[in-house]
Amino acid sequence: MEPTDEQIAKAVEKYRPPTTTEIKALLGRFFVGAIDDTIVSRLDQQLADVLADKHARVATSSAFEANGRHYFGQAWKELLSYHDNAPTPTELAIWLAVVTPGYPKPRPYCPEPIVGTWAQVAPTAATWQLRADGAMTTTAPSFEARTRWCLHRLNGETTDLAKGNLWFTSDSLVLPDTLSLREITPTTIRAVRNGLDGPIPYRLERQ
């Protein structure tokens, strides 16, 4: 079956390099900090250089495909580029900013429905403060040394936040501690932590 004009147009648009205006918008959405014209111009030129050099493009695309899973929990990876396939020029621009020193830090994926102050009512009483910038504090004994949080979706095709894991990290933690989400409502979070004695249910209520 021949592709339709609409399918061809979408394919062409998908593989079109982003404009400087689009690059600025991408940096503003997925990175933390001030985005000035110097940063935008630098990334625009870096992307153009990679796209113009076949070997550089193949090498950069291969690195993207091989290492993309290391960036789960970052907003760009969770929302725009969940897959491990060869990157589009737009994804390649973001990837270059992520792995090249001198750009702002990638923004963690911290969805608004989870941000806020929560009272843990099970398995024990505790308080949680989860900020939109990924900072956190908690009095829950298993997590009180953790300083950052984010959400990792388990299925890139769904927008259901409960189909994912809350990740909690700190500078000294190699792998994140996790809570596997089961339900998210405006007032309640239900999750499970897998322990040596089996799953431990957690319940948090919004304050």
Protein backbone atom coordinates (compact mmCIF):
# COMPACT_ATOMS: atom_id res chain seq x y z
CA MET A 1 0.00 0.00 0.00
CA GLU A 2 1.35 3.40 -0.98
CA PRO A 3 1.85 5.90 1.87
CA THR A 4 -0.60 8.78 1.99
CA ASP A 5 0.43 12.41 1.60
CA GLU A 6 -0.22 12.90 5.34
CA GLN A 7 2.04 9.96 6.25
CA ILE A 8 4.79 11.29 4.02
CA ALA A 9 4.47 14.79 5.53
CA LYS A 10 4.70 13.39 9.07
CA ALA A 11 7.78 11.36 8.17
CA VAL A 12 9.49 14.39 6.64
CA GLU A 13 8.61 16.54 9.66
CA LYS A 14 9.90 13.88 12.07
CA TYR A 15 13.35 13.90 10.51
CA ARG A 16 13.60 17.66 10.06
CA PRO A 17 16.31 19.30 12.22
CA PRO A 18 14.80 21.61 14.85
CA THR A 19 15.02 25.35 14.32
CA THR A 20 16.82 27.57 16.82
CA THR A 21 13.43 28.60 18.22
CA GLU A 22 12.54 24.93 18.73
CA ILE A 23 15.93 24.20 20.29
CA LYS A 24 15.40 27.02 22.78
CA ALA A 25 11.96 25.64 23.66
CA LEU A 26 13.39 22.12 24.12
CA LEU A 27 16.16 23.38 26.40
CA GLY A 28 13.65 25.41 28.40
CA ARG A 29 11.32 22.47 28.86
CA PHE A 30 13.77 19.67 29.57
CA PHE A 31 16.73 21.40 31.25
CA VAL A 32 17.14 23.38 34.46
CA GLY A 33 18.51 26.90 34.42
CA ALA A 34 18.64 30.02 32.27
CA ILE A 35 18.66 29.40 28.51
CA ASP A 36 20.33 32.21 26.62
CA ASP A 37 21.08 32.70 22.93
CA THR A 38 24.70 31.60 23.39
CA ILE A 39 23.64 28.16 24.64
CA VAL A 40 21.05 27.84 21.86
CA SER A 41 23.56 28.82 19.17
CA ARG A 42 26.13 26.41 20.56
CA LEU A 43 23.72 23.47 20.46
CA ASP A 44 22.40 24.45 17.02
CA GLN A 45 25.94 24.43 15.63
CA GLN A 46 26.88 21.22 17.44
CA LEU A 47 23.83 19.47 16.01
CA ALA A 48 24.55 20.79 12.50
CA ASP A 49 28.13 19.53 12.70
CA VAL A 50 27.01 16.04 13.75
CA LEU A 51 24.30 15.83 11.09
CA ALA A 52 26.77 16.93 8.41
CA ASP A 53 29.34 14.27 9.33
CA LYS A 54 28.13 10.75 8.55
CA HIS A 55 30.59 9.07 10.90
CA ALA A 56 29.83 11.45 13.75
CA ARG A 57 26.09 10.96 13.28
CA VAL A 58 26.39 7.17 13.26
CA ALA A 59 28.60 7.19 16.36
CA THR A 60 26.33 9.58 18.25
CA SER A 61 23.19 7.69 17.27
CA SER A 62 24.79 4.40 18.35
CA ALA A 63 25.65 5.89 21.74
CA PHE A 64 22.07 7.10 22.10
CA GLU A 65 20.68 3.64 21.36
CA ALA A 66 23.14 1.85 23.63
CA ASN A 67 22.92 4.15 26.64
CA GLY A 68 19.44 5.67 26.60
CA ARG A 69 18.15 3.57 29.48
CA HIS A 70 20.68 5.23 31.79
CA TYR A 71 18.62 8.41 31.49
CA PHE A 72 15.26 7.06 32.61
CA GLY A 73 13.81 9.39 35.22
CA GLN A 74 14.81 12.49 33.26
CA ALA A 75 11.89 14.41 31.77
CA TRP A 76 13.11 14.31 28.15
CA LYS A 77 13.55 10.54 28.26
CA GLU A 78 10.24 9.81 29.96
CA LEU A 79 8.12 12.17 27.87
CA LEU A 80 9.76 12.51 24.47
CA SER A 81 12.20 9.68 23.84
CA TYR A 82 11.29 6.56 25.81
CA HIS A 83 12.55 4.20 23.09
CA ASP A 84 16.06 2.93 22.30
CA ASN A 85 15.80 3.36 18.53
CA ALA A 86 17.96 5.63 16.41
CA PRO A 87 17.24 9.24 17.43
CA THR A 88 15.50 11.82 15.29
CA PRO A 89 17.37 15.14 14.88
CA THR A 90 15.25 16.61 17.69
CA GLU A 91 16.16 13.75 20.04
CA LEU A 92 19.76 14.02 18.93
CA ALA A 93 19.83 17.69 19.89
CA ILE A 94 18.61 16.88 23.40
CA TRP A 95 21.04 13.97 23.70
CA LEU A 96 23.98 16.18 22.75
CA ALA A 97 23.01 18.68 25.45
CA VAL A 98 22.66 15.87 28.00
CA VAL A 99 26.07 14.28 27.39
CA THR A 100 28.15 17.37 26.56
CA PRO A 101 29.68 19.36 29.45
CA GLY A 102 28.64 22.99 29.72
CA TYR A 103 24.91 22.71 29.13
CA PRO A 104 22.29 23.06 31.89
CA LYS A 105 21.38 19.92 33.82
CA PRO A 106 18.53 17.74 32.54
CA ARG A 107 15.26 18.24 34.39
CA PRO A 108 14.01 15.24 36.42
CA TYR A 109 10.56 13.90 35.65
CA CYS A 110 8.50 15.09 38.63
CA PRO A 111 4.82 15.16 37.60
CA GLU A 112 2.60 17.73 39.27
CA PRO A 113 0.11 15.16 40.69
CA ILE A 114 2.92 13.77 42.88
CA VAL A 115 4.52 17.07 43.92
CA GLY A 116 3.62 18.30 47.39
CA THR A 117 3.50 17.37 51.06
CA TRP A 118 2.26 13.91 51.97
CA ALA A 119 1.51 12.14 55.25
CA GLN A 120 2.49 8.48 55.19
CA VAL A 121 -0.12 6.42 57.04
CA ALA A 122 1.20 2.94 56.20
CA PRO A 123 3.28 0.95 56.92
CA THR A 124 4.27 3.53 59.57
CA ALA A 125 3.62 7.22 60.11
CA ALA A 126 5.96 9.62 58.33
CA THR A 127 5.98 12.82 56.30
CA TRP A 128 7.13 13.38 52.74
CA GLN A 129 7.97 16.61 50.92
CA LEU A 130 8.37 16.06 47.17
CA ARG A 131 9.32 19.21 45.26
CA ALA A 132 8.83 19.97 41.57
CA ASP A 133 12.59 20.38 41.07
CA GLY A 134 13.27 16.82 42.29
CA ALA A 135 14.43 17.71 45.81
CA MET A 136 12.86 15.74 48.67
CA THR A 137 12.81 15.21 52.40
CA THR A 138 11.10 12.47 54.37
CA THR A 139 11.01 11.02 57.86
CA ALA A 140 10.31 7.50 56.55
CA PRO A 141 13.16 5.40 57.98
CA SER A 142 13.87 3.49 54.77
CA PHE A 143 14.17 6.66 52.69
CA GLU A 144 15.20 9.50 55.03
CA ALA A 145 18.77 9.63 53.67
CA ARG A 146 17.48 10.23 50.13
CA THR A 147 17.61 13.77 48.76
CA ARG A 148 16.15 13.50 45.23
CA TRP A 149 13.17 11.86 43.58
CA CYS A 150 11.71 11.30 40.12
CA LEU A 151 9.21 9.09 38.35
CA HIS A 152 10.21 6.35 35.93
CA ARG A 153 7.39 5.11 33.72
CA LEU A 154 7.35 1.38 33.04
CA ASN A 155 5.48 1.74 29.76
CA GLY A 156 6.26 4.57 27.41
CA GLU A 157 2.93 4.17 25.66
CA THR A 158 0.77 5.04 28.67
CA THR A 159 0.11 8.35 30.39
CA ASP A 160 -1.06 6.61 33.58
CA LEU A 161 1.38 7.77 36.25
CA ALA A 162 0.50 4.76 38.39
CA LYS A 163 2.17 2.55 35.77
CA GLY A 164 5.59 3.47 37.05
CA ASN A 165 8.06 3.59 39.92
CA LEU A 166 9.07 6.41 42.22
CA TRP A 167 12.87 6.56 42.32
CA PHE A 168 14.71 7.99 45.33
CA THR A 169 18.41 8.78 45.13
CA SER A 170 21.27 10.57 46.85
CA ASP A 171 24.89 11.35 46.00
CA SER A 172 26.03 8.17 47.77
CA LEU A 173 23.46 5.86 46.16
CA VAL A 174 24.50 3.92 43.06
CA LEU A 175 21.05 2.48 42.32
CA PRO A 176 17.76 4.14 43.29
CA ASP A 177 15.48 2.95 46.05
CA THR A 178 12.03 2.45 44.61
CA LEU A 179 8.34 2.41 45.37
CA SER A 180 6.20 0.65 42.77
CA LEU A 181 3.09 2.75 42.24
CA ARG A 182 -0.35 1.18 42.35
CA GLU A 183 -2.69 4.19 42.47
CA ILE A 184 -2.47 7.97 42.30
CA THR A 185 -5.44 10.21 43.07
CA PRO A 186 -5.50 13.92 44.01
CA THR A 187 -5.46 12.90 47.68
CA THR A 188 -3.81 9.47 47.86
CA ILE A 189 -0.77 7.56 46.66
CA ARG A 190 -0.69 3.80 47.05
CA ALA A 191 2.58 2.00 46.36
CA VAL A 192 4.51 -1.15 47.23
CA ARG A 193 8.10 -1.66 48.27
CA ASN A 194 9.56 -5.10 47.67
CA GLY A 195 11.35 -6.30 50.78
CA LEU A 196 13.06 -9.51 51.88
CA ASP A 197 9.83 -10.66 53.50
CA GLY A 198 7.64 -9.78 50.55
CA PRO A 199 5.88 -6.63 49.29
CA ILE A 200 5.29 -3.86 51.83
CA PRO A 201 2.25 -1.64 51.08
CA TYR A 202 2.69 2.14 51.40
CA ARG A 203 -0.10 4.67 51.60
CA LEU A 204 0.42 8.44 51.47
CA GLU A 205 -2.28 11.09 51.93
CA ARG A 206 -1.95 14.64 50.67
CA GLN A 207 -1.63 17.39 53.27
